[in-house]
Amino acid sequence: MKLKEEEMNRLCRTCRKKCKQTRVALITSCPQYAPLPLDLRTTWKQQELPLWGKSR
């Protein structure tokens, strides 16, 4: 069963393993925890640039 991201435990969201737990599970430590690289955790948003030739 695949959990949606909002149903996952906060620690499990940042892990690359597939043994995800629900958010109601109390996890004090996980021996198999493997953090995701920082690049995969950030959501990139396009910068808004001012339009050329637009007067103020």
PDB file of N, CA and C in Angstrom:
ATOM      1  N   MET A   1       0.841  -1.170   0.000  1.00  0.00           N
ATOM      2  CA  MET A   1       0.000   0.000   0.000  1.00  0.00           C
ATOM      3  C   MET A   1       0.891   1.240   0.000  1.00  0.00           C
ATOM      4  N   LYS A   2       0.654   2.129  -0.916  1.00  0.00           N
ATOM      5  CA  LYS A   2       1.435   3.352  -1.005  1.00  0.00           C
ATOM      6  C   LYS A   2       0.707   4.477  -0.291  1.00  0.00           C
ATOM      7  N   LEU A   3       1.431   5.145   0.609  1.00  0.00           N
ATOM      8  CA  LEU A   3       0.845   6.252   1.366  1.00  0.00           C
ATOM      9  C   LEU A   3       1.029   7.560   0.614  1.00  0.00           C
ATOM     10  N   LYS A   4       0.057   8.435   0.760  1.00  0.00           N
ATOM     11  CA  LYS A   4       0.215   9.788   0.221  1.00  0.00           C
ATOM     12  C   LYS A   4       1.175  10.536   1.138  1.00  0.00           C
ATOM     13  N   GLU A   5       1.783  11.590   0.621  1.00  0.00           N
ATOM     14  CA  GLU A   5       2.790  12.309   1.401  1.00  0.00           C
ATOM     15  C   GLU A   5       2.226  12.903   2.688  1.00  0.00           C
ATOM     16  N   GLU A   6       0.981  13.383   2.667  1.00  0.00           N
ATOM     17  CA  GLU A   6       0.418  13.965   3.883  1.00  0.00           C
ATOM     18  C   GLU A   6       0.064  12.905   4.920  1.00  0.00           C
ATOM     19  N   GLU A   7      -0.014  11.624   4.522  1.00  0.00           N
ATOM     20  CA  GLU A   7      -0.302  10.538   5.450  1.00  0.00           C
ATOM     21  C   GLU A   7       0.967   9.938   6.048  1.00  0.00           C
ATOM     22  N   MET A   8       2.135  10.294   5.508  1.00  0.00           N
ATOM     23  CA  MET A   8       3.403   9.719   5.962  1.00  0.00           C
ATOM     24  C   MET A   8       3.918  10.393   7.221  1.00  0.00           C
ATOM     25  N   ASN A   9       4.688   9.646   7.964  1.00  0.00           N
ATOM     26  CA  ASN A   9       5.390  10.183   9.112  1.00  0.00           C
ATOM     27  C   ASN A   9       6.398  11.215   8.637  1.00  0.00           C
ATOM     28  N   ARG A  10       6.639  12.250   9.447  1.00  0.00           N
ATOM     29  CA  ARG A  10       7.534  13.337   9.045  1.00  0.00           C
ATOM     30  C   ARG A  10       8.957  12.829   8.799  1.00  0.00           C
ATOM     31  N   LEU A  11       9.438  11.896   9.592  1.00  0.00           N
ATOM     32  CA  LEU A  11      10.772  11.333   9.393  1.00  0.00           C
ATOM     33  C   LEU A  11      10.826  10.516   8.105  1.00  0.00           C
ATOM     34  N   CYS A  12       9.775   9.772   7.823  1.00  0.00           N
ATOM     35  CA  CYS A  12       9.735   8.921   6.631  1.00  0.00           C
ATOM     36  C   CYS A  12       9.678   9.730   5.334  1.00  0.00           C
ATOM     37  N   ARG A  13       9.110  10.921   5.387  1.00  0.00           N
ATOM     38  CA  ARG A  13       9.045  11.769   4.191  1.00  0.00           C
ATOM     39  C   ARG A  13      10.427  12.132   3.675  1.00  0.00           C
ATOM     40  N   THR A  14      11.391  12.265   4.583  1.00  0.00           N
ATOM     41  CA  THR A  14      12.732  12.684   4.188  1.00  0.00           C
ATOM     42  C   THR A  14      13.674  11.504   3.976  1.00  0.00           C
ATOM     43  N   CYS A  15      13.138  10.309   3.895  1.00  0.00           N
ATOM     44  CA  CYS A  15      13.949   9.095   3.726  1.00  0.00           C
ATOM     45  C   CYS A  15      13.750   8.520   2.328  1.00  0.00           C
ATOM     46  N   ARG A  16      14.804   7.925   1.781  1.00  0.00           N
ATOM     47  CA  ARG A  16      14.693   7.355   0.444  1.00  0.00           C
ATOM     48  C   ARG A  16      14.242   5.894   0.433  1.00  0.00           C
ATOM     49  N   LYS A  17      14.176   5.259   1.582  1.00  0.00           N
ATOM     50  CA  LYS A  17      13.725   3.864   1.663  1.00  0.00           C
ATOM     51  C   LYS A  17      12.222   3.780   1.411  1.00  0.00           C
ATOM     52  N   LYS A  18      11.726   2.585   1.142  1.00  0.00           N
ATOM     53  CA  LYS A  18      10.315   2.411   0.812  1.00  0.00           C
ATOM     54  C   LYS A  18       9.471   1.922   1.999  1.00  0.00           C
ATOM     55  N   CYS A  19      10.064   1.797   3.166  1.00  0.00           N
ATOM     56  CA  CYS A  19       9.338   1.296   4.349  1.00  0.00           C
ATOM     57  C   CYS A  19       8.659   2.447   5.083  1.00  0.00           C
ATOM     58  N   LYS A  20       7.775   3.167   4.437  1.00  0.00           N
ATOM     59  CA  LYS A  20       7.127   4.354   4.989  1.00  0.00           C
ATOM     60  C   LYS A  20       6.093   3.970   6.046  1.00  0.00           C
ATOM     61  N   GLN A  21       6.025   4.766   7.111  1.00  0.00           N
ATOM     62  CA  GLN A  21       5.071   4.559   8.193  1.00  0.00           C
ATOM     63  C   GLN A  21       4.026   5.673   8.150  1.00  0.00           C
ATOM     64  N   THR A  22       2.883   5.416   8.765  1.00  0.00           N
ATOM     65  CA  THR A  22       1.840   6.434   8.801  1.00  0.00           C
ATOM     66  C   THR A  22       2.221   7.534   9.778  1.00  0.00           C
ATOM     67  N   ARG A  23       1.528   8.660   9.681  1.00  0.00           N
ATOM     68  CA  ARG A  23       1.873   9.804  10.525  1.00  0.00           C
ATOM     69  C   ARG A  23       1.520   9.583  11.986  1.00  0.00           C
ATOM     70  N   VAL A  24       0.660   8.623  12.302  1.00  0.00           N
ATOM     71  CA  VAL A  24       0.303   8.360  13.695  1.00  0.00           C
ATOM     72  C   VAL A  24       1.345   7.496  14.401  1.00  0.00           C
ATOM     73  N   ALA A  25       2.271   6.893  13.646  1.00  0.00           N
ATOM     74  CA  ALA A  25       3.319   6.069  14.249  1.00  0.00           C
ATOM     75  C   ALA A  25       4.346   6.961  14.930  1.00  0.00           C
ATOM     76  N   LEU A  26       4.751   6.582  16.135  1.00  0.00           N
ATOM     77  CA  LEU A  26       5.758   7.324  16.876  1.00  0.00           C
ATOM     78  C   LEU A  26       7.105   6.660  16.623  1.00  0.00           C
ATOM     79  N   ILE A  27       7.965   7.342  15.896  1.00  0.00           N
ATOM     80  CA  ILE A  27       9.282   6.798  15.556  1.00  0.00           C
ATOM     81  C   ILE A  27      10.324   7.590  16.322  1.00  0.00           C
ATOM     82  N   THR A  28      11.068   6.903  17.189  1.00  0.00           N
ATOM     83  CA  THR A  28      12.124   7.578  17.929  1.00  0.00           C
ATOM     84  C   THR A  28      13.441   7.503  17.188  1.00  0.00           C
ATOM     85  N   SER A  29      13.689   6.407  16.511  1.00  0.00           N
ATOM     86  CA  SER A  29      14.874   6.286  15.659  1.00  0.00           C
ATOM     87  C   SER A  29      14.617   5.178  14.648  1.00  0.00           C
ATOM     88  N   CYS A  30      15.334   5.244  13.540  1.00  0.00           N
ATOM     89  CA  CYS A  30      15.169   4.252  12.484  1.00  0.00           C
ATOM     90  C   CYS A  30      16.563   3.783  12.053  1.00  0.00           C
ATOM     91  N   PRO A  31      16.868   2.500  12.211  1.00  0.00           N
ATOM     92  CA  PRO A  31      18.205   2.020  11.833  1.00  0.00           C
ATOM     93  C   PRO A  31      18.442   2.023  10.327  1.00  0.00           C
ATOM     94  N   GLN A  32      17.378   2.068   9.536  1.00  0.00           N
ATOM     95  CA  GLN A  32      17.531   2.045   8.078  1.00  0.00           C
ATOM     96  C   GLN A  32      17.356   3.411   7.446  1.00  0.00           C
ATOM     97  N   TYR A  33      17.315   4.472   8.243  1.00  0.00           N
ATOM     98  CA  TYR A  33      17.087   5.818   7.728  1.00  0.00           C
ATOM     99  C   TYR A  33      18.203   6.225   6.778  1.00  0.00           C
ATOM    100  N   ALA A  34      17.821   6.608   5.581  1.00  0.00           N
ATOM    101  CA  ALA A  34      18.764   7.091   4.573  1.00  0.00           C
ATOM    102  C   ALA A  34      18.191   8.390   4.025  1.00  0.00           C
ATOM    103  N   PRO A  35      18.742   9.539   4.438  1.00  0.00           N
ATOM    104  CA  PRO A  35      18.157  10.816   4.010  1.00  0.00           C
ATOM    105  C   PRO A  35      18.271  11.034   2.518  1.00  0.00           C
ATOM    106  N   LEU A  36      17.264  11.721   1.984  1.00  0.00           N
ATOM    107  CA  LEU A  36      17.294  12.109   0.578  1.00  0.00           C
ATOM    108  C   LEU A  36      18.349  13.185   0.385  1.00  0.00           C
ATOM    109  N   PRO A  37      18.949  13.269  -0.788  1.00  0.00           N
ATOM    110  CA  PRO A  37      19.839  14.399  -1.061  1.00  0.00           C
ATOM    111  C   PRO A  37      19.047  15.699  -1.002  1.00  0.00           C
ATOM    112  N   LEU A  38      19.683  16.759  -0.605  1.00  0.00           N
ATOM    113  CA  LEU A  38      19.015  18.036  -0.433  1.00  0.00           C
ATOM    114  C   LEU A  38      18.343  18.515  -1.719  1.00  0.00           C
ATOM    115  N   ASP A  39      18.926  18.209  -2.876  1.00  0.00           N
ATOM    116  CA  ASP A  39      18.361  18.637  -4.159  1.00  0.00           C
ATOM    117  C   ASP A  39      16.984  18.033  -4.410  1.00  0.00           C
ATOM    118  N   LEU A  40      16.740  16.825  -3.944  1.00  0.00           N
ATOM    119  CA  LEU A  40      15.456  16.171  -4.180  1.00  0.00           C
ATOM    120  C   LEU A  40      14.383  16.644  -3.209  1.00  0.00           C
ATOM    121  N   ARG A  41      14.780  17.210  -2.076  1.00  0.00           N
ATOM    122  CA  ARG A  41      13.811  17.660  -1.082  1.00  0.00           C
ATOM    123  C   ARG A  41      13.277  19.045  -1.368  1.00  0.00           C
ATOM    124  N   THR A  42      14.031  19.866  -2.060  1.00  0.00           N
ATOM    125  CA  THR A  42      13.590  21.235  -2.298  1.00  0.00           C
ATOM    126  C   THR A  42      12.678  21.295  -3.519  1.00  0.00           C
ATOM    127  N   THR A  43      11.686  22.099  -3.425  1.00  0.00           N
ATOM    128  CA  THR A  43      10.813  22.308  -4.578  1.00  0.00           C
ATOM    129  C   THR A  43      11.256  23.599  -5.246  1.00  0.00           C
ATOM    130  N   TRP A  44      11.600  23.505  -6.482  1.00  0.00           N
ATOM    131  CA  TRP A  44      12.103  24.657  -7.215  1.00  0.00           C
ATOM    132  C   TRP A  44      10.937  25.420  -7.808  1.00  0.00           C
ATOM    133  N   LYS A  45      10.978  26.717  -7.657  1.00  0.00           N
ATOM    134  CA  LYS A  45       9.952  27.574  -8.227  1.00  0.00           C
ATOM    135  C   LYS A  45      10.630  28.571  -9.155  1.00  0.00           C
ATOM    136  N   GLN A  46       9.992  28.854 -10.235  1.00  0.00           N
ATOM    137  CA  GLN A  46      10.550  29.797 -11.195  1.00  0.00           C
ATOM    138  C   GLN A  46      10.437  31.212 -10.639  1.00  0.00           C
ATOM    139  N   GLN A  47      11.507  31.959 -10.778  1.00  0.00           N
ATOM    140  CA  GLN A  47      11.489  33.329 -10.309  1.00  0.00           C
ATOM    141  C   GLN A  47      10.627  34.183 -11.223  1.00  0.00           C
ATOM    142  N   GLU A  48       9.949  35.131 -10.609  1.00  0.00           N
ATOM    143  CA  GLU A  48       9.164  36.060 -11.411  1.00  0.00           C
ATOM    144  C   GLU A  48      10.050  37.234 -11.777  1.00  0.00           C
ATOM    145  N   LEU A  49      10.253  37.440 -13.043  1.00  0.00           N
ATOM    146  CA  LEU A  49      11.081  38.526 -13.522  1.00  0.00           C
ATOM    147  C   LEU A  49      10.198  39.657 -14.015  1.00  0.00           C
ATOM    148  N   PRO A  50      10.635  40.887 -13.819  1.00  0.00           N
ATOM    149  CA  PRO A  50       9.819  41.998 -14.318  1.00  0.00           C
ATOM    150  C   PRO A  50       9.774  41.982 -15.842  1.00  0.00           C
ATOM    151  N   LEU A  51       8.646  42.368 -16.375  1.00  0.00           N
ATOM    152  CA  LEU A  51       8.500  42.402 -17.829  1.00  0.00           C
ATOM    153  C   LEU A  51       9.240  43.607 -18.382  1.00  0.00           C
ATOM    154  N   TRP A  52       9.932  43.417 -19.474  1.00  0.00           N
ATOM    155  CA  TRP A  52      10.666  44.523 -20.121  1.00  0.00           C
ATOM    156  C   TRP A  52       9.684  45.464 -20.786  1.00  0.00           C
ATOM    157  N   GLY A  53       9.939  46.757 -20.655  1.00  0.00           N
ATOM    158  CA  GLY A  53       9.118  47.753 -21.305  1.00  0.00           C
ATOM    159  C   GLY A  53       7.858  48.108 -20.555  1.00  0.00           C
ATOM    160  N   LYS A  54       7.661  47.537 -19.408  1.00  0.00           N
ATOM    161  CA  LYS A  54       6.467  47.852 -18.643  1.00  0.00           C
ATOM    162  C   LYS A  54       6.744  49.118 -17.830  1.00  0.00           C
ATOM    163  N   SER A  55       5.905  50.107 -17.978  1.00  0.00           N
ATOM    164  CA  SER A  55       6.112  51.362 -17.252  1.00  0.00           C
ATOM    165  C   SER A  55       5.522  51.265 -15.850  1.00  0.00           C
ATOM    166  N   ARG A  56       6.052  52.065 -14.939  1.00  0.00           N
ATOM    167  CA  ARG A  56       5.578  52.027 -13.566  1.00  0.00           C
ATOM    168  C   ARG A  56       4.393  52.891 -13.340  1.00  0.00           C
TER     169      ARG A  56
END
